[in-house]
Amino acid sequence: MVWLICLLIAWAAAALSCLRLCLAAARAAHPGAAPSRRPSPAAYDLSLYETAFLAGGPERVADLALVSMHLRQSLLLAHTGWATVVDPHGRDDVERTVIRAIGPEGQSRIAPVRAAAAAAEPVRALADRLVAAGLAMPQALRGATAAALGEVRRTAVLIVVLALASVTLPGRSLSPGGPAIVWFVLPLVLVVGCLLIVRIENHPYSPWASPAGQEWLDSLRTPGPGRGTHLHLLAAVAVRGLHAVQDPLLRAALTGRRAGRTGHAY
């Protein structure tokens, strides 16, 4: 009856992990005030930095600052992955953080600059303001949801391991109803189905935005590819991220990927 013990463990793990994920998702759906008290999206007046945070988190804010400084030619982003300061006077706290992260020599690799800017106090203060306004998800709720998702994924692996163990144990591969491994299909379907539902429900949405913040993002007219005016490009980067950058060399500088042969050297 070893296979039965394995099956009971599989069912218990599946039920507990799926229940934890459902509770975390329910708390994330109502992080603050009641939905009836939330202002309409038209009542929000957010900056590009705030929109970038809701759409993509701290890294999106850092990317927006880098692109903005590059377009104004106060910062040179080379396709080789280096940032060079041209104008050491930033227009806001985030830009000044970028300049400080580059250092007194005025040149640094872009990746550590982006990481330092994303983790800096101005971005944390921006996040706190959005959380206080009910537009961003509190860090505790994001962490709880991520932990619950990780637990469900680990449970799926555990069920597979238990199923294999039940058929590899000598003389334990058959149950009264047939092969023991068949009985592990149901808890595995429950776990995988739970993951698929979460994936389908949350795929179009940002994990950084609360329901109210997501309403704001949904109310925006999503900018198309980043061509035209600089403001249009910055708005596109805030909402869509680096996918909105059409310049192959600028995209290579920010993503660390080599530009295509059609690009032009800086």
C-alpha atoms as a PDB file:
ATOM      1  CA  MET A   1       0.000   0.000   0.000  1.00  0.00           C
ATOM      2  CA  VAL A   2       2.965   2.287  -0.401  1.00  0.00           C
ATOM      3  CA  TRP A   3       1.405   3.710  -3.583  1.00  0.00           C
ATOM      4  CA  LEU A   4      -1.667   4.726  -1.582  1.00  0.00           C
ATOM      5  CA  ILE A   5       0.463   6.674   0.898  1.00  0.00           C
ATOM      6  CA  CYS A   6       2.164   8.430  -2.027  1.00  0.00           C
ATOM      7  CA  LEU A   7      -1.245   9.226  -3.518  1.00  0.00           C
ATOM      8  CA  LEU A   8      -2.513  10.706  -0.255  1.00  0.00           C
ATOM      9  CA  ILE A   9       0.603  12.875  -0.020  1.00  0.00           C
ATOM     10  CA  ALA A  10       0.071  14.013  -3.622  1.00  0.00           C
ATOM     11  CA  TRP A  11      -3.566  14.949  -2.978  1.00  0.00           C
ATOM     12  CA  ALA A  12      -2.755  16.776   0.253  1.00  0.00           C
ATOM     13  CA  ALA A  13       0.030  18.783  -1.388  1.00  0.00           C
ATOM     14  CA  ALA A  14      -2.154  19.612  -4.391  1.00  0.00           C
ATOM     15  CA  ALA A  15      -5.098  20.745  -2.270  1.00  0.00           C
ATOM     16  CA  LEU A  16      -3.021  22.875   0.095  1.00  0.00           C
ATOM     17  CA  SER A  17      -0.952  24.565  -2.624  1.00  0.00           C
ATOM     18  CA  CYS A  18      -3.979  25.341  -4.806  1.00  0.00           C
ATOM     19  CA  LEU A  19      -5.887  26.683  -1.790  1.00  0.00           C
ATOM     20  CA  ARG A  20      -2.966  28.935  -0.882  1.00  0.00           C
ATOM     21  CA  LEU A  21      -2.771  30.242  -4.453  1.00  0.00           C
ATOM     22  CA  CYS A  22      -6.511  30.953  -4.539  1.00  0.00           C
ATOM     23  CA  LEU A  23      -6.328  32.862  -1.249  1.00  0.00           C
ATOM     24  CA  ALA A  24      -3.326  34.881  -2.466  1.00  0.00           C
ATOM     25  CA  ALA A  25      -5.115  35.691  -5.727  1.00  0.00           C
ATOM     26  CA  ALA A  26      -8.240  36.766  -3.812  1.00  0.00           C
ATOM     27  CA  ARG A  27      -6.212  39.089  -1.580  1.00  0.00           C
ATOM     28  CA  ALA A  28      -4.429  40.543  -4.616  1.00  0.00           C
ATOM     29  CA  ALA A  29      -7.776  41.241  -6.297  1.00  0.00           C
ATOM     30  CA  HIS A  30      -8.850  43.450  -3.362  1.00  0.00           C
ATOM     31  CA  PRO A  31      -5.663  44.973  -1.924  1.00  0.00           C
ATOM     32  CA  GLY A  32      -7.189  48.177  -0.622  1.00  0.00           C
ATOM     33  CA  ALA A  33     -10.478  50.005  -0.591  1.00  0.00           C
ATOM     34  CA  ALA A  34     -13.657  48.537  -1.941  1.00  0.00           C
ATOM     35  CA  PRO A  35     -13.970  48.715  -5.733  1.00  0.00           C
ATOM     36  CA  SER A  36     -16.971  51.046  -5.409  1.00  0.00           C
ATOM     37  CA  ARG A  37     -14.729  53.647  -3.733  1.00  0.00           C
ATOM     38  CA  ARG A  38     -12.081  53.634  -6.405  1.00  0.00           C
ATOM     39  CA  PRO A  39     -12.026  56.717  -8.630  1.00  0.00           C
ATOM     40  CA  SER A  40     -12.581  56.260 -12.321  1.00  0.00           C
ATOM     41  CA  PRO A  41      -9.506  55.997 -14.575  1.00  0.00           C
ATOM     42  CA  ALA A  42     -10.223  59.494 -15.852  1.00  0.00           C
ATOM     43  CA  ALA A  43      -9.529  60.844 -12.351  1.00  0.00           C
ATOM     44  CA  TYR A  44      -5.907  59.696 -12.445  1.00  0.00           C
ATOM     45  CA  ASP A  45      -3.209  62.063 -13.621  1.00  0.00           C
ATOM     46  CA  LEU A  46      -0.001  60.036 -13.595  1.00  0.00           C
ATOM     47  CA  SER A  47       3.425  60.891 -14.887  1.00  0.00           C
ATOM     48  CA  LEU A  48       5.251  58.725 -17.403  1.00  0.00           C
ATOM     49  CA  TYR A  49       7.404  57.358 -14.582  1.00  0.00           C
ATOM     50  CA  GLU A  50       4.316  56.326 -12.621  1.00  0.00           C
ATOM     51  CA  THR A  51       2.740  54.747 -15.688  1.00  0.00           C
ATOM     52  CA  ALA A  52       5.994  52.918 -16.390  1.00  0.00           C
ATOM     53  CA  PHE A  53       6.062  51.533 -12.856  1.00  0.00           C
ATOM     54  CA  LEU A  54       2.496  50.262 -13.064  1.00  0.00           C
ATOM     55  CA  ALA A  55       3.171  48.635 -16.432  1.00  0.00           C
ATOM     56  CA  GLY A  56       6.606  47.151 -15.791  1.00  0.00           C
ATOM     57  CA  GLY A  57       7.913  47.871 -12.326  1.00  0.00           C
ATOM     58  CA  PRO A  58      11.173  49.549 -11.229  1.00  0.00           C
ATOM     59  CA  GLU A  59      13.180  48.292 -14.210  1.00  0.00           C
ATOM     60  CA  ARG A  60      10.720  49.940 -16.603  1.00  0.00           C
ATOM     61  CA  VAL A  61      11.196  53.256 -14.767  1.00  0.00           C
ATOM     62  CA  ALA A  62      14.974  52.947 -15.146  1.00  0.00           C
ATOM     63  CA  ASP A  63      14.634  52.102 -18.846  1.00  0.00           C
ATOM     64  CA  LEU A  64      12.378  55.115 -19.371  1.00  0.00           C
ATOM     65  CA  ALA A  65      14.913  57.429 -17.724  1.00  0.00           C
ATOM     66  CA  LEU A  66      17.757  56.021 -19.827  1.00  0.00           C
ATOM     67  CA  VAL A  67      15.817  56.388 -23.075  1.00  0.00           C
ATOM     68  CA  SER A  68      14.700  59.916 -22.174  1.00  0.00           C
ATOM     69  CA  MET A  69      18.266  61.024 -21.387  1.00  0.00           C
ATOM     70  CA  HIS A  70      19.558  59.412 -24.566  1.00  0.00           C
ATOM     71  CA  LEU A  71      16.968  61.171 -26.723  1.00  0.00           C
ATOM     72  CA  ARG A  72      17.920  64.526 -25.200  1.00  0.00           C
ATOM     73  CA  GLN A  73      21.586  63.661 -25.801  1.00  0.00           C
ATOM     74  CA  SER A  74      22.443  64.165 -22.153  1.00  0.00           C
ATOM     75  CA  LEU A  75      23.471  60.513 -22.059  1.00  0.00           C
ATOM     76  CA  LEU A  76      25.033  58.407 -24.781  1.00  0.00           C
ATOM     77  CA  LEU A  77      23.945  54.765 -24.850  1.00  0.00           C
ATOM     78  CA  ALA A  78      26.301  52.819 -27.091  1.00  0.00           C
ATOM     79  CA  HIS A  79      25.277  49.547 -28.700  1.00  0.00           C
ATOM     80  CA  THR A  80      28.337  48.000 -27.027  1.00  0.00           C
ATOM     81  CA  GLY A  81      26.509  48.281 -23.692  1.00  0.00           C
ATOM     82  CA  TRP A  82      28.201  51.367 -22.257  1.00  0.00           C
ATOM     83  CA  ALA A  83      26.610  54.597 -20.994  1.00  0.00           C
ATOM     84  CA  THR A  84      28.508  57.896 -21.200  1.00  0.00           C
ATOM     85  CA  VAL A  85      27.402  61.086 -19.458  1.00  0.00           C
ATOM     86  CA  VAL A  86      27.231  64.131 -21.725  1.00  0.00           C
ATOM     87  CA  ASP A  87      25.268  66.497 -19.475  1.00  0.00           C
ATOM     88  CA  PRO A  88      25.799  65.789 -15.733  1.00  0.00           C
ATOM     89  CA  HIS A  89      22.649  67.705 -14.710  1.00  0.00           C
ATOM     90  CA  GLY A  90      19.583  65.472 -14.580  1.00  0.00           C
ATOM     91  CA  ARG A  91      16.081  66.919 -14.863  1.00  0.00           C
ATOM     92  CA  ASP A  92      14.608  64.879 -11.989  1.00  0.00           C
ATOM     93  CA  ASP A  93      15.584  62.593  -9.130  1.00  0.00           C
ATOM     94  CA  VAL A  94      15.542  59.450 -11.268  1.00  0.00           C
ATOM     95  CA  GLU A  95      17.867  60.968 -13.877  1.00  0.00           C
ATOM     96  CA  ARG A  96      20.191  62.242 -11.160  1.00  0.00           C
ATOM     97  CA  THR A  97      20.239  58.728  -9.726  1.00  0.00           C
ATOM     98  CA  VAL A  98      21.289  57.393 -13.136  1.00  0.00           C
ATOM     99  CA  ILE A  99      24.129  59.917 -13.316  1.00  0.00           C
ATOM    100  CA  ARG A 100      25.317  59.017  -9.809  1.00  0.00           C
ATOM    101  CA  ALA A 101      25.152  55.314 -10.661  1.00  0.00           C
ATOM    102  CA  ILE A 102      27.413  55.882 -13.680  1.00  0.00           C
ATOM    103  CA  GLY A 103      30.007  57.344 -11.347  1.00  0.00           C
ATOM    104  CA  PRO A 104      32.506  60.209 -11.371  1.00  0.00           C
ATOM    105  CA  GLU A 105      34.329  58.879 -14.419  1.00  0.00           C
ATOM    106  CA  GLY A 106      31.227  59.529 -16.496  1.00  0.00           C
ATOM    107  CA  GLN A 107      31.127  56.103 -18.109  1.00  0.00           C
ATOM    108  CA  SER A 108      29.816  52.727 -17.018  1.00  0.00           C
ATOM    109  CA  ARG A 109      28.199  49.543 -18.250  1.00  0.00           C
ATOM    110  CA  ILE A 110      24.454  50.007 -18.728  1.00  0.00           C
ATOM    111  CA  ALA A 111      23.287  46.883 -16.869  1.00  0.00           C
ATOM    112  CA  PRO A 112      24.569  47.886 -13.399  1.00  0.00           C
ATOM    113  CA  VAL A 113      23.352  51.446 -13.956  1.00  0.00           C
ATOM    114  CA  ARG A 114      19.844  50.197 -14.723  1.00  0.00           C
ATOM    115  CA  ALA A 115      19.884  47.921 -11.664  1.00  0.00           C
ATOM    116  CA  ALA A 116      21.091  50.729  -9.381  1.00  0.00           C
ATOM    117  CA  ALA A 117      18.507  53.183 -10.693  1.00  0.00           C
ATOM    118  CA  ALA A 118      15.668  50.659 -10.327  1.00  0.00           C
ATOM    119  CA  ALA A 119      16.605  49.999  -6.691  1.00  0.00           C
ATOM    120  CA  ALA A 120      17.223  53.638  -5.750  1.00  0.00           C
ATOM    121  CA  GLU A 121      15.225  55.704  -3.275  1.00  0.00           C
ATOM    122  CA  PRO A 122      13.376  57.862  -5.893  1.00  0.00           C
ATOM    123  CA  VAL A 123      11.855  54.742  -7.468  1.00  0.00           C
ATOM    124  CA  ARG A 124      10.975  53.285  -4.062  1.00  0.00           C
ATOM    125  CA  ALA A 125       9.307  56.571  -3.106  1.00  0.00           C
ATOM    126  CA  LEU A 126       7.374  56.537  -6.380  1.00  0.00           C
ATOM    127  CA  ALA A 127       6.220  52.983  -5.631  1.00  0.00           C
ATOM    128  CA  ASP A 128       5.139  53.962  -2.121  1.00  0.00           C
ATOM    129  CA  ARG A 129       3.057  56.828  -3.499  1.00  0.00           C
ATOM    130  CA  LEU A 130       1.323  54.525  -5.962  1.00  0.00           C
ATOM    131  CA  VAL A 131       0.641  51.927  -3.259  1.00  0.00           C
ATOM    132  CA  ALA A 132      -0.762  54.625  -0.958  1.00  0.00           C
ATOM    133  CA  ALA A 133      -3.023  55.794  -3.793  1.00  0.00           C
ATOM    134  CA  GLY A 134      -4.277  52.239  -4.297  1.00  0.00           C
ATOM    135  CA  LEU A 135      -2.823  51.994  -7.812  1.00  0.00           C
ATOM    136  CA  ALA A 136       0.116  49.647  -7.216  1.00  0.00           C
ATOM    137  CA  MET A 137       0.251  46.251  -5.550  1.00  0.00           C
ATOM    138  CA  PRO A 138       1.929  46.235  -2.124  1.00  0.00           C
ATOM    139  CA  GLN A 139       5.170  44.287  -2.094  1.00  0.00           C
ATOM    140  CA  ALA A 140       3.818  41.849   0.487  1.00  0.00           C
ATOM    141  CA  LEU A 141       0.930  40.841  -1.773  1.00  0.00           C
ATOM    142  CA  ARG A 142       3.209  40.459  -4.801  1.00  0.00           C
ATOM    143  CA  GLY A 143       5.546  38.303  -2.747  1.00  0.00           C
ATOM    144  CA  ALA A 144       2.728  36.154  -1.387  1.00  0.00           C
ATOM    145  CA  THR A 145       1.314  35.520  -4.859  1.00  0.00           C
ATOM    146  CA  ALA A 146       4.738  34.673  -6.289  1.00  0.00           C
ATOM    147  CA  ALA A 147       5.444  32.313  -3.390  1.00  0.00           C
ATOM    148  CA  ALA A 148       2.080  30.582  -3.859  1.00  0.00           C
ATOM    149  CA  LEU A 149       2.736  30.131  -7.575  1.00  0.00           C
ATOM    150  CA  GLY A 150       6.148  28.658  -6.819  1.00  0.00           C
ATOM    151  CA  GLU A 151       4.600  26.242  -4.349  1.00  0.00           C
ATOM    152  CA  VAL A 152       2.055  25.022  -6.906  1.00  0.00           C
ATOM    153  CA  ARG A 153       4.828  24.457  -9.467  1.00  0.00           C
ATOM    154  CA  ARG A 154       6.868  22.492  -6.935  1.00  0.00           C
ATOM    155  CA  THR A 155       3.784  20.461  -6.079  1.00  0.00           C
ATOM    156  CA  ALA A 156       3.402  19.467  -9.738  1.00  0.00           C
ATOM    157  CA  VAL A 157       6.971  18.175  -9.721  1.00  0.00           C
ATOM    158  CA  LEU A 158       6.336  16.361  -6.420  1.00  0.00           C
ATOM    159  CA  ILE A 159       3.286  14.594  -7.836  1.00  0.00           C
ATOM    160  CA  VAL A 160       5.260  13.356 -10.830  1.00  0.00           C
ATOM    161  CA  VAL A 161       8.038  12.104  -8.546  1.00  0.00           C
ATOM    162  CA  LEU A 162       5.545  10.318  -6.278  1.00  0.00           C
ATOM    163  CA  ALA A 163       3.830   8.748  -9.293  1.00  0.00           C
ATOM    164  CA  LEU A 164       7.122   7.438 -10.633  1.00  0.00           C
ATOM    165  CA  ALA A 165       8.087   6.163  -7.198  1.00  0.00           C
ATOM    166  CA  SER A 166       4.789   4.293  -6.898  1.00  0.00           C
ATOM    167  CA  VAL A 167       5.480   2.289 -10.067  1.00  0.00           C
ATOM    168  CA  THR A 168       9.207   1.735  -9.534  1.00  0.00           C
ATOM    169  CA  LEU A 169       8.873   0.262  -6.056  1.00  0.00           C
ATOM    170  CA  PRO A 170       9.139  -3.548  -6.353  1.00  0.00           C
ATOM    171  CA  GLY A 171       5.743  -5.195  -6.412  1.00  0.00           C
ATOM    172  CA  ARG A 172       3.914  -1.900  -5.837  1.00  0.00           C
ATOM    173  CA  SER A 173       3.010  -0.893  -9.381  1.00  0.00           C
ATOM    174  CA  LEU A 174      -0.542  -2.250  -9.336  1.00  0.00           C
ATOM    175  CA  SER A 175      -3.502  -1.032  -7.359  1.00  0.00           C
ATOM    176  CA  PRO A 176      -6.966  -2.615  -7.079  1.00  0.00           C
ATOM    177  CA  GLY A 177      -8.165  -0.348  -9.867  1.00  0.00           C
ATOM    178  CA  GLY A 178      -5.202  -0.807 -12.220  1.00  0.00           C
ATOM    179  CA  PRO A 179      -1.759   0.818 -12.551  1.00  0.00           C
ATOM    180  CA  ALA A 180      -1.098   3.074  -9.557  1.00  0.00           C
ATOM    181  CA  ILE A 181       0.291   5.856 -11.731  1.00  0.00           C
ATOM    182  CA  VAL A 182      -3.178   6.432 -13.212  1.00  0.00           C
ATOM    183  CA  TRP A 183      -4.473   7.595  -9.829  1.00  0.00           C
ATOM    184  CA  PHE A 184      -1.933  10.429  -9.779  1.00  0.00           C
ATOM    185  CA  VAL A 185      -3.405  11.992 -12.900  1.00  0.00           C
ATOM    186  CA  LEU A 186      -6.255  13.693 -11.022  1.00  0.00           C
ATOM    187  CA  PRO A 187      -4.125  15.676  -8.524  1.00  0.00           C
ATOM    188  CA  LEU A 188      -1.742  16.548 -11.342  1.00  0.00           C
ATOM    189  CA  VAL A 189      -4.643  17.811 -13.474  1.00  0.00           C
ATOM    190  CA  LEU A 190      -5.848  19.909 -10.519  1.00  0.00           C
ATOM    191  CA  VAL A 191      -2.433  21.546 -10.074  1.00  0.00           C
ATOM    192  CA  VAL A 192      -1.760  22.120 -13.772  1.00  0.00           C
ATOM    193  CA  GLY A 193      -5.301  23.397 -14.293  1.00  0.00           C
ATOM    194  CA  CYS A 194      -4.848  25.877 -11.451  1.00  0.00           C
ATOM    195  CA  LEU A 195      -1.635  27.162 -13.025  1.00  0.00           C
ATOM    196  CA  LEU A 196      -3.307  27.486 -16.431  1.00  0.00           C
ATOM    197  CA  ILE A 197      -6.221  29.435 -14.985  1.00  0.00           C
ATOM    198  CA  VAL A 198      -3.878  31.870 -13.251  1.00  0.00           C
ATOM    199  CA  ARG A 199      -1.864  32.207 -16.456  1.00  0.00           C
ATOM    200  CA  ILE A 200      -4.940  32.914 -18.580  1.00  0.00           C
ATOM    201  CA  GLU A 201      -6.465  35.334 -16.071  1.00  0.00           C
ATOM    202  CA  ASN A 202      -3.291  37.328 -15.416  1.00  0.00           C
ATOM    203  CA  HIS A 203      -1.491  37.202 -18.766  1.00  0.00           C
ATOM    204  CA  PRO A 204      -2.688  40.590 -20.127  1.00  0.00           C
ATOM    205  CA  TYR A 205      -2.201  42.300 -16.784  1.00  0.00           C
ATOM    206  CA  SER A 206       0.757  43.810 -14.969  1.00  0.00           C
ATOM    207  CA  PRO A 207       1.757  42.183 -11.661  1.00  0.00           C
ATOM    208  CA  TRP A 208       2.746  45.637 -10.398  1.00  0.00           C
ATOM    209  CA  ALA A 209      -0.636  47.315 -10.835  1.00  0.00           C
ATOM    210  CA  SER A 210      -3.583  46.909  -8.487  1.00  0.00           C
ATOM    211  CA  PRO A 211      -7.044  46.494 -10.048  1.00  0.00           C
ATOM    212  CA  ALA A 212      -7.402  50.287  -9.955  1.00  0.00           C
ATOM    213  CA  GLY A 213      -3.977  50.742 -11.519  1.00  0.00           C
ATOM    214  CA  GLN A 214      -4.820  48.205 -14.187  1.00  0.00           C
ATOM    215  CA  GLU A 215      -7.948  50.210 -15.009  1.00  0.00           C
ATOM    216  CA  TRP A 216      -5.689  53.195 -15.593  1.00  0.00           C
ATOM    217  CA  LEU A 217      -3.425  51.185 -17.897  1.00  0.00           C
ATOM    218  CA  ASP A 218      -6.431  49.787 -19.755  1.00  0.00           C
ATOM    219  CA  SER A 219      -7.797  53.290 -20.252  1.00  0.00           C
ATOM    220  CA  LEU A 220      -4.648  54.385 -22.064  1.00  0.00           C
ATOM    221  CA  ARG A 221      -4.467  54.202 -25.787  1.00  0.00           C
ATOM    222  CA  THR A 222      -1.568  51.829 -26.220  1.00  0.00           C
ATOM    223  CA  PRO A 223       1.135  53.607 -28.220  1.00  0.00           C
ATOM    224  CA  GLY A 224       2.246  51.937 -31.400  1.00  0.00           C
ATOM    225  CA  PRO A 225       5.856  51.297 -32.408  1.00  0.00           C
ATOM    226  CA  GLY A 226       8.183  53.963 -31.126  1.00  0.00           C
ATOM    227  CA  ARG A 227       8.444  56.232 -34.137  1.00  0.00           C
ATOM    228  CA  GLY A 228       7.708  59.916 -34.502  1.00  0.00           C
ATOM    229  CA  THR A 229       8.142  62.399 -31.692  1.00  0.00           C
ATOM    230  CA  HIS A 230      10.277  61.742 -28.635  1.00  0.00           C
ATOM    231  CA  LEU A 231       7.212  62.026 -26.398  1.00  0.00           C
ATOM    232  CA  HIS A 232       5.468  59.344 -28.429  1.00  0.00           C
ATOM    233  CA  LEU A 233       8.461  57.042 -28.020  1.00  0.00           C
ATOM    234  CA  LEU A 234       8.676  57.676 -24.278  1.00  0.00           C
ATOM    235  CA  ALA A 235       4.966  56.975 -23.847  1.00  0.00           C
ATOM    236  CA  ALA A 236       5.381  53.753 -25.811  1.00  0.00           C
ATOM    237  CA  VAL A 237       8.358  52.688 -23.677  1.00  0.00           C
ATOM    238  CA  ALA A 238       6.394  53.447 -20.477  1.00  0.00           C
ATOM    239  CA  VAL A 239       3.488  51.227 -21.532  1.00  0.00           C
ATOM    240  CA  ARG A 240       5.125  48.550 -23.684  1.00  0.00           C
ATOM    241  CA  GLY A 241       8.723  48.526 -22.523  1.00  0.00           C
ATOM    242  CA  LEU A 242      11.774  48.115 -24.710  1.00  0.00           C
ATOM    243  CA  HIS A 243       9.682  46.301 -27.332  1.00  0.00           C
ATOM    244  CA  ALA A 244       8.568  49.796 -28.394  1.00  0.00           C
ATOM    245  CA  VAL A 245      12.122  50.841 -29.296  1.00  0.00           C
ATOM    246  CA  GLN A 246      12.588  50.474 -33.047  1.00  0.00           C
ATOM    247  CA  ASP A 247      16.160  51.762 -33.275  1.00  0.00           C
ATOM    248  CA  PRO A 248      18.222  48.534 -33.397  1.00  0.00           C
ATOM    249  CA  LEU A 249      21.306  50.117 -31.856  1.00  0.00           C
ATOM    250  CA  LEU A 250      19.408  51.704 -28.972  1.00  0.00           C
ATOM    251  CA  ARG A 251      17.573  48.443 -28.364  1.00  0.00           C
ATOM    252  CA  ALA A 252      20.894  46.574 -28.428  1.00  0.00           C
ATOM    253  CA  ALA A 253      22.353  49.019 -25.911  1.00  0.00           C
ATOM    254  CA  LEU A 254      19.487  48.507 -23.483  1.00  0.00           C
ATOM    255  CA  THR A 255      18.952  44.767 -23.912  1.00  0.00           C
ATOM    256  CA  GLY A 256      22.560  43.664 -24.308  1.00  0.00           C
ATOM    257  CA  ARG A 257      21.792  41.942 -27.616  1.00  0.00           C
ATOM    258  CA  ARG A 258      23.779  42.572 -30.737  1.00  0.00           C
ATOM    259  CA  ALA A 259      22.256  44.965 -33.235  1.00  0.00           C
ATOM    260  CA  GLY A 260      21.444  43.803 -36.714  1.00  0.00           C
ATOM    261  CA  ARG A 261      23.772  44.441 -39.600  1.00  0.00           C
ATOM    262  CA  THR A 262      21.477  47.146 -40.904  1.00  0.00           C
ATOM    263  CA  GLY A 263      22.186  49.376 -37.893  1.00  0.00           C
ATOM    264  CA  HIS A 264      24.533  52.302 -37.951  1.00  0.00           C
ATOM    265  CA  ALA A 265      27.349  52.813 -35.524  1.00  0.00           C
ATOM    266  CA  TYR A 266      27.062  55.548 -32.962  1.00  0.00           C
END
